[in-house]
Protein backbone atom coordinates (compact mmCIF):
# COMPACT_ATOMS: atom_id res chain seq x y z
CA UNK A 1 -16.75 -3.53 8.69
CA UNK A 2 -13.11 -3.40 7.70
CA UNK A 3 -11.20 -0.38 8.91
CA UNK A 4 -7.86 0.66 7.47
CA UNK A 5 -5.98 3.58 8.95
CA UNK A 6 -2.81 4.87 7.30
CA UNK A 7 -0.08 6.89 8.93
CA UNK A 8 3.53 7.85 8.35
CA UNK A 9 3.25 10.25 5.45
CA UNK A 10 5.03 13.56 5.40
CA UNK A 11 7.37 15.86 3.54
CA UNK A 12 10.93 14.81 2.74
CA UNK A 13 13.69 15.81 0.40
CA UNK A 14 14.65 13.69 -2.57
CA UNK A 15 16.74 10.74 -1.47
CA UNK A 16 15.03 10.53 1.88
CA UNK A 17 12.96 7.74 3.39
CA UNK A 18 9.53 7.27 4.91
CA UNK A 19 7.69 4.29 6.33
CA UNK A 20 3.96 4.13 5.89
CA UNK A 21 1.80 2.05 8.19
CA UNK A 22 -1.71 0.73 7.76
CA UNK A 23 -3.50 -0.54 10.84
CA UNK A 24 -6.25 -2.99 9.96
CA UNK A 25 -9.22 -4.02 12.08
CA UNK A 26 -12.72 -5.39 11.90
CA UNK A 27 -12.18 -8.03 9.26
CA UNK A 28 -12.63 -11.76 9.25
CA UNK A 29 -11.21 -13.66 6.33
CA UNK A 30 -12.71 -17.05 5.57
CA UNK A 31 -9.61 -17.86 3.59
CA UNK A 32 -6.03 -18.18 4.72
CA UNK A 33 -5.04 -15.92 1.84
CA UNK A 34 -6.11 -12.40 1.00
CA UNK A 35 -4.66 -9.34 -0.66
CA UNK A 36 -3.46 -6.03 0.70
CA UNK A 37 -1.70 -3.24 -1.03
CA UNK A 38 -0.53 0.32 -1.27
CA UNK A 39 -1.85 2.57 -3.97
CA UNK A 40 -1.13 6.19 -4.78
CA UNK A 41 -2.81 8.99 -6.61
CA UNK A 42 -1.19 12.22 -7.69
CA UNK A 43 -3.25 15.26 -8.72
CA UNK A 44 -4.65 14.81 -12.20
CA UNK A 45 -3.54 11.21 -12.42
CA UNK A 46 -5.25 7.87 -12.01
CA UNK A 47 -4.79 5.82 -8.88
CA UNK A 48 -2.06 3.21 -9.40
CA UNK A 49 -0.94 0.12 -7.58
CA UNK A 50 2.44 0.69 -5.96
CA UNK A 51 3.01 -2.52 -4.01
CA UNK A 52 0.77 -5.42 -3.10
CA UNK A 53 1.13 -8.55 -1.04
CA UNK A 54 -0.74 -11.86 -1.04
CA UNK A 55 -1.13 -12.49 2.65
CA UNK A 56 -0.69 -16.15 3.53
CA UNK A 57 1.16 -16.96 0.33
CA UNK A 58 3.94 -14.38 0.41
CA UNK A 59 3.68 -13.16 -3.16
CA UNK A 60 4.49 -9.51 -3.71
CA UNK A 61 4.13 -7.08 -6.57
CA UNK A 62 5.84 -3.75 -7.20
CA UNK A 63 5.22 -1.27 -9.97
CA UNK A 64 8.39 -0.87 -12.02
CA UNK A 65 9.01 2.70 -10.89
CA UNK A 66 9.51 1.67 -7.24
CA UNK A 67 11.33 -1.65 -7.60
CA UNK A 68 14.48 -1.70 -5.53
CA UNK A 69 13.37 1.34 -3.50
CA UNK A 70 10.11 0.34 -1.80
CA UNK A 71 9.39 -2.72 0.34
CA UNK A 72 5.97 -3.95 1.41
CA UNK A 73 5.66 -6.03 4.55
CA UNK A 74 3.15 -7.15 7.14
CA UNK A 75 3.19 -7.72 10.88
CA UNK A 76 0.49 -10.30 11.58
CA UNK A 77 0.68 -9.82 15.34
CA UNK A 78 -0.05 -6.12 14.97
CA UNK A 79 -2.45 -6.44 12.01
CA UNK A 80 -0.39 -3.79 10.32
CA UNK A 81 0.80 -3.37 6.75
CA UNK A 82 3.93 -1.36 6.03
CA UNK A 83 5.53 0.34 3.06
CA UNK A 84 9.18 1.22 3.51
CA UNK A 85 10.08 3.88 0.96
CA UNK A 86 13.73 4.66 0.34
CA UNK A 87 15.50 6.89 -2.18
CA UNK A 88 12.35 8.90 -2.62
CA UNK A 89 11.94 10.97 -5.75
CA UNK A 90 9.74 14.00 -6.47
CA UNK A 91 7.64 11.81 -8.75
CA UNK A 92 6.69 9.71 -5.72
CA UNK A 93 4.66 12.65 -4.44
CA UNK A 94 1.04 11.54 -4.06
CA UNK A 95 -1.68 10.54 -1.65
CA UNK A 96 -0.97 6.98 -0.58
CA UNK A 97 -3.80 4.61 0.24
CA UNK A 98 -3.94 1.22 1.90
CA UNK A 99 -6.45 -1.31 0.55
CA UNK A 100 -7.60 -4.86 1.21
CA UNK A 101 -9.40 -7.51 -0.81
CA UNK A 102 -10.70 -10.81 0.53
CA UNK A 103 -12.04 -12.51 -2.58
CA UNK A 104 -10.38 -15.80 -3.43
CA UNK A 105 -9.31 -14.48 -6.82
CA UNK A 106 -7.89 -11.22 -5.48
CA UNK A 107 -4.30 -11.95 -6.52
CA UNK A 108 -5.21 -12.32 -10.18
CA UNK A 109 -5.78 -8.57 -10.43
CA UNK A 110 -3.80 -7.53 -7.39
CA UNK A 111 -2.43 -4.29 -8.81
CA UNK A 112 -5.76 -2.93 -10.02
CA UNK A 113 -7.50 -0.48 -7.68
CA UNK A 114 -10.93 -1.71 -8.82
CA UNK A 115 -10.08 -5.09 -7.30
CA UNK A 116 -10.27 -3.64 -3.79
CA UNK A 117 -13.41 -2.79 -1.87
CA UNK A 118 -11.79 -1.72 1.39
CA UNK A 119 -9.79 1.50 1.55
CA UNK A 120 -8.16 3.74 4.10
CA UNK A 121 -8.43 7.51 4.10
CA UNK A 122 -4.94 8.06 2.71
CA UNK A 123 -1.74 9.71 3.86
CA UNK A 124 0.09 12.41 1.90
CA UNK A 125 3.68 11.94 0.79
CA UNK A 126 5.49 14.98 -0.61
CA UNK A 127 9.03 14.74 -1.94
CA UNK A 128 10.86 17.94 -2.78
CA UNK A 129 13.85 18.22 -5.07
């Protein structure tokens, strides 16, 4: 049973920064590569992939709206995924979720929420203007 626990959300003013963390436990990957990512969902909108990483290969993906502002990273020793968010904008306001996928083909559809079977409970990010 994979457990993903997010933390680090909060309320900030536009231009501010937050770092989200996702502590992972209870998983055993049979492959040296697997996918993890950050997704967000604002009220009335579909869940979207914000940033994903192909663990073991180093590939990363960012949705265009966060490129140059957000950075995804992982600390293997701590089994923790991070999302550093800088220059936050009001449109970044959403519930942010951590997700993991262990299928061998996970990177093919890495930005699609339906690709992921393992989810955290989410952490709220609110950016005021």
